[in-house]
N, C-alpha and C. Protein backbone atom coordinates (compact mmCIF):
# COMPACT_ATOMS: atom_id res chain seq x y z
N UNK A 1 0.84 -1.18 0.00
CA UNK A 1 0.00 0.00 0.00
C UNK A 1 0.88 1.25 0.00
N UNK A 2 0.48 2.23 -0.77
CA UNK A 2 1.24 3.46 -0.88
C UNK A 2 0.74 4.44 0.18
N UNK A 3 1.68 5.04 0.90
CA UNK A 3 1.33 6.06 1.89
C UNK A 3 1.29 7.41 1.20
N UNK A 4 0.21 8.14 1.41
CA UNK A 4 0.04 9.45 0.78
C UNK A 4 0.02 10.51 1.87
N UNK A 5 0.80 11.54 1.67
CA UNK A 5 0.89 12.65 2.59
C UNK A 5 -0.37 13.52 2.50
N UNK A 6 -0.87 13.98 3.63
CA UNK A 6 -2.08 14.81 3.66
C UNK A 6 -1.89 16.11 2.88
N UNK A 7 -0.71 16.70 2.97
CA UNK A 7 -0.46 17.94 2.21
C UNK A 7 -0.56 17.71 0.71
N UNK A 8 -0.10 16.56 0.26
CA UNK A 8 -0.19 16.18 -1.15
C UNK A 8 -1.66 16.13 -1.58
N UNK A 9 -2.51 15.52 -0.76
CA UNK A 9 -3.94 15.44 -1.07
C UNK A 9 -4.58 16.82 -1.08
N UNK A 10 -4.21 17.66 -0.12
CA UNK A 10 -4.76 19.02 -0.06
C UNK A 10 -4.39 19.81 -1.31
N UNK A 11 -3.13 19.71 -1.73
CA UNK A 11 -2.68 20.43 -2.93
C UNK A 11 -3.42 19.93 -4.17
N UNK A 12 -3.55 18.63 -4.31
CA UNK A 12 -4.26 18.07 -5.47
C UNK A 12 -5.71 18.52 -5.50
N UNK A 13 -6.39 18.41 -4.37
CA UNK A 13 -7.79 18.80 -4.32
C UNK A 13 -7.94 20.29 -4.62
N UNK A 14 -7.09 21.11 -4.05
CA UNK A 14 -7.17 22.56 -4.28
C UNK A 14 -7.04 22.86 -5.77
N UNK A 15 -6.05 22.29 -6.42
CA UNK A 15 -5.83 22.53 -7.85
C UNK A 15 -7.02 22.02 -8.67
N UNK A 16 -7.49 20.82 -8.36
CA UNK A 16 -8.60 20.25 -9.12
C UNK A 16 -9.90 21.02 -8.91
N UNK A 17 -10.16 21.45 -7.68
CA UNK A 17 -11.37 22.24 -7.41
C UNK A 17 -11.37 23.54 -8.21
N UNK A 18 -10.25 24.27 -8.15
CA UNK A 18 -10.17 25.54 -8.88
C UNK A 18 -10.37 25.31 -10.38
N UNK A 19 -9.70 24.28 -10.89
CA UNK A 19 -9.83 23.99 -12.32
C UNK A 19 -11.29 23.70 -12.68
N UNK A 20 -11.93 22.82 -11.95
CA UNK A 20 -13.30 22.44 -12.27
C UNK A 20 -14.28 23.59 -12.09
N UNK A 21 -14.09 24.37 -11.05
CA UNK A 21 -14.98 25.50 -10.80
C UNK A 21 -14.84 26.56 -11.90
N UNK A 22 -13.61 26.83 -12.31
CA UNK A 22 -13.36 27.87 -13.29
C UNK A 22 -13.59 27.41 -14.73
N UNK A 23 -13.49 26.11 -15.00
CA UNK A 23 -13.66 25.62 -16.37
C UNK A 23 -15.12 25.34 -16.71
N UNK A 24 -15.98 25.39 -15.71
CA UNK A 24 -17.40 25.20 -15.94
C UNK A 24 -17.93 26.39 -16.74
N UNK A 25 -18.92 26.17 -17.56
CA UNK A 25 -19.49 27.28 -18.32
C UNK A 25 -20.97 27.35 -18.01
N UNK A 26 -21.45 28.39 -17.37
CA UNK A 26 -20.67 29.51 -16.84
C UNK A 26 -19.87 29.10 -15.60
N UNK A 27 -18.86 29.90 -15.29
CA UNK A 27 -18.03 29.62 -14.12
C UNK A 27 -18.87 29.60 -12.86
N UNK A 28 -18.43 28.77 -11.92
CA UNK A 28 -19.13 28.66 -10.64
C UNK A 28 -18.32 29.43 -9.60
N UNK A 29 -18.96 30.36 -8.91
CA UNK A 29 -18.27 31.10 -7.86
C UNK A 29 -18.11 30.21 -6.63
N UNK A 30 -17.22 30.61 -5.74
CA UNK A 30 -17.06 29.87 -4.49
C UNK A 30 -18.37 29.86 -3.71
N UNK A 31 -19.09 30.96 -3.73
CA UNK A 31 -20.36 31.05 -3.02
C UNK A 31 -21.40 30.11 -3.62
N UNK A 32 -21.46 30.06 -4.94
CA UNK A 32 -22.41 29.16 -5.60
C UNK A 32 -22.08 27.70 -5.27
N UNK A 33 -20.79 27.35 -5.31
CA UNK A 33 -20.39 25.99 -4.98
C UNK A 33 -20.72 25.67 -3.52
N UNK A 34 -20.45 26.62 -2.64
CA UNK A 34 -20.76 26.42 -1.22
C UNK A 34 -22.24 26.15 -1.02
N UNK A 35 -23.09 26.90 -1.70
CA UNK A 35 -24.53 26.69 -1.59
C UNK A 35 -24.94 25.30 -2.08
N UNK A 36 -24.34 24.85 -3.18
CA UNK A 36 -24.64 23.51 -3.71
C UNK A 36 -24.22 22.41 -2.74
N UNK A 37 -23.11 22.66 -2.02
CA UNK A 37 -22.55 21.63 -1.15
C UNK A 37 -23.03 21.74 0.30
N UNK A 38 -23.77 22.79 0.61
CA UNK A 38 -24.27 22.95 1.97
C UNK A 38 -23.19 23.37 2.95
N UNK A 39 -22.28 24.22 2.48
CA UNK A 39 -21.22 24.73 3.33
C UNK A 39 -21.07 26.23 3.10
N UNK A 40 -19.98 26.81 3.54
CA UNK A 40 -19.79 28.25 3.40
C UNK A 40 -18.72 28.58 2.37
N UNK A 41 -18.75 29.81 1.89
CA UNK A 41 -17.72 30.28 0.95
C UNK A 41 -16.36 30.25 1.61
N UNK A 42 -16.30 30.56 2.89
CA UNK A 42 -15.03 30.54 3.62
C UNK A 42 -14.43 29.12 3.63
N UNK A 43 -15.28 28.12 3.77
CA UNK A 43 -14.80 26.73 3.74
C UNK A 43 -14.26 26.38 2.36
N UNK A 44 -14.97 26.78 1.31
CA UNK A 44 -14.50 26.52 -0.05
C UNK A 44 -13.14 27.18 -0.27
N UNK A 45 -12.99 28.38 0.23
CA UNK A 45 -11.70 29.09 0.13
C UNK A 45 -10.59 28.32 0.83
N UNK A 46 -10.87 27.78 1.99
CA UNK A 46 -9.87 26.99 2.71
C UNK A 46 -9.49 25.73 1.94
N UNK A 47 -10.45 25.09 1.29
CA UNK A 47 -10.16 23.90 0.50
C UNK A 47 -9.32 24.27 -0.73
N UNK A 48 -9.67 25.39 -1.38
CA UNK A 48 -8.98 25.80 -2.60
C UNK A 48 -7.59 26.38 -2.34
N UNK A 49 -7.30 26.75 -1.14
CA UNK A 49 -5.95 27.23 -0.81
C UNK A 49 -5.14 26.15 -0.11
N UNK A 50 -5.65 24.95 -0.11
CA UNK A 50 -4.98 23.77 0.45
C UNK A 50 -4.68 23.93 1.94
N UNK A 51 -5.52 24.67 2.62
CA UNK A 51 -5.37 24.83 4.07
C UNK A 51 -6.09 23.73 4.84
N UNK A 52 -7.09 23.12 4.20
CA UNK A 52 -7.94 22.17 4.90
C UNK A 52 -8.53 21.18 3.90
N UNK A 53 -8.65 19.93 4.32
CA UNK A 53 -9.40 18.95 3.54
C UNK A 53 -10.85 18.99 4.01
N UNK A 54 -11.80 18.87 3.09
CA UNK A 54 -13.20 18.89 3.51
C UNK A 54 -13.57 17.61 4.24
N UNK A 55 -14.62 17.67 5.07
CA UNK A 55 -15.12 16.43 5.68
C UNK A 55 -15.66 15.51 4.59
N UNK A 56 -15.75 14.24 4.92
CA UNK A 56 -16.13 13.23 3.93
C UNK A 56 -17.44 13.55 3.21
N UNK A 57 -18.46 14.01 3.93
CA UNK A 57 -19.75 14.26 3.28
C UNK A 57 -19.66 15.40 2.27
N UNK A 58 -18.81 16.39 2.51
CA UNK A 58 -18.63 17.49 1.56
C UNK A 58 -17.82 17.00 0.36
N UNK A 59 -16.80 16.19 0.60
CA UNK A 59 -16.00 15.64 -0.49
C UNK A 59 -16.86 14.79 -1.42
N UNK A 60 -17.73 13.97 -0.86
CA UNK A 60 -18.63 13.14 -1.67
C UNK A 60 -19.59 14.02 -2.47
N UNK A 61 -20.16 15.03 -1.84
CA UNK A 61 -21.07 15.94 -2.54
C UNK A 61 -20.35 16.68 -3.66
N UNK A 62 -19.11 17.09 -3.41
CA UNK A 62 -18.31 17.78 -4.40
C UNK A 62 -18.04 16.87 -5.61
N UNK A 63 -17.70 15.63 -5.35
CA UNK A 63 -17.46 14.67 -6.42
C UNK A 63 -18.71 14.51 -7.27
N UNK A 64 -19.86 14.37 -6.63
CA UNK A 64 -21.12 14.23 -7.36
C UNK A 64 -21.42 15.49 -8.17
N UNK A 65 -21.17 16.64 -7.59
CA UNK A 65 -21.43 17.92 -8.25
C UNK A 65 -20.62 18.06 -9.54
N UNK A 66 -19.36 17.65 -9.51
CA UNK A 66 -18.48 17.80 -10.66
C UNK A 66 -18.46 16.57 -11.57
N UNK A 67 -19.07 15.46 -11.15
CA UNK A 67 -19.12 14.27 -11.98
C UNK A 67 -17.84 13.45 -11.96
N UNK A 68 -17.12 13.52 -10.86
CA UNK A 68 -15.89 12.74 -10.68
C UNK A 68 -16.02 11.92 -9.41
N UNK A 69 -15.14 10.95 -9.24
CA UNK A 69 -15.11 10.20 -7.99
C UNK A 69 -14.27 10.97 -6.97
N UNK A 70 -14.38 10.61 -5.72
CA UNK A 70 -13.55 11.26 -4.70
C UNK A 70 -12.07 10.97 -4.97
N UNK A 71 -11.76 9.76 -5.40
CA UNK A 71 -10.38 9.41 -5.74
C UNK A 71 -9.84 10.32 -6.84
N UNK A 72 -10.66 10.57 -7.84
CA UNK A 72 -10.24 11.43 -8.95
C UNK A 72 -10.00 12.87 -8.48
N UNK A 73 -10.88 13.38 -7.60
CA UNK A 73 -10.70 14.74 -7.09
C UNK A 73 -9.40 14.89 -6.30
N UNK A 74 -8.98 13.82 -5.64
CA UNK A 74 -7.77 13.86 -4.81
C UNK A 74 -6.52 13.45 -5.57
N UNK A 75 -6.67 13.06 -6.82
CA UNK A 75 -5.53 12.59 -7.60
C UNK A 75 -4.72 13.76 -8.16
N UNK A 76 -3.51 13.44 -8.62
CA UNK A 76 -2.64 14.51 -9.13
C UNK A 76 -3.02 14.95 -10.54
N UNK A 77 -3.90 14.22 -11.22
CA UNK A 77 -4.42 14.68 -12.51
C UNK A 77 -5.82 14.12 -12.72
N UNK A 78 -6.68 14.96 -13.25
CA UNK A 78 -8.06 14.55 -13.51
C UNK A 78 -8.15 13.85 -14.85
N UNK A 79 -8.95 12.80 -14.95
CA UNK A 79 -9.18 12.17 -16.25
C UNK A 79 -10.02 13.10 -17.14
N UNK A 80 -9.91 12.93 -18.42
CA UNK A 80 -10.73 13.71 -19.35
C UNK A 80 -12.16 13.19 -19.27
N UNK A 81 -13.07 14.07 -18.90
CA UNK A 81 -14.49 13.70 -18.82
C UNK A 81 -15.33 14.84 -19.35
N UNK A 82 -16.42 14.49 -19.98
CA UNK A 82 -17.40 15.47 -20.42
C UNK A 82 -16.73 16.56 -21.26
N UNK A 83 -15.74 16.19 -22.04
CA UNK A 83 -15.09 17.17 -22.90
C UNK A 83 -14.14 18.10 -22.19
N UNK A 84 -13.94 17.90 -20.89
CA UNK A 84 -13.03 18.77 -20.14
C UNK A 84 -11.61 18.26 -20.27
N UNK A 85 -10.69 19.13 -20.53
CA UNK A 85 -9.28 18.76 -20.56
C UNK A 85 -8.57 19.57 -19.51
N UNK A 86 -7.74 18.91 -18.74
CA UNK A 86 -6.99 19.58 -17.68
C UNK A 86 -5.74 20.18 -18.27
N UNK A 87 -5.59 21.47 -18.16
CA UNK A 87 -4.37 22.14 -18.61
C UNK A 87 -3.37 22.14 -17.49
N UNK A 88 -2.21 21.61 -17.73
CA UNK A 88 -1.17 21.57 -16.69
C UNK A 88 -0.36 22.84 -16.72
């Protein structure tokens, strides 16, 4: 089993969240995403700045919202889905 550092997961999630939120058409604001997930804009900001990992129920809701699995959201690169391409 591979051991993964929490900071690594936070950085991956932060990058993937920003990408998915900003690549949506129209773009989704942090406030709009917070409302969809049942949390606050301040919490979304903490997740996107890699200061905090969301609780499991928020992570699951986020994955459903963006159409990815939780594993994919925490990975170092997102798979191509729904015509979205991740620009590195």
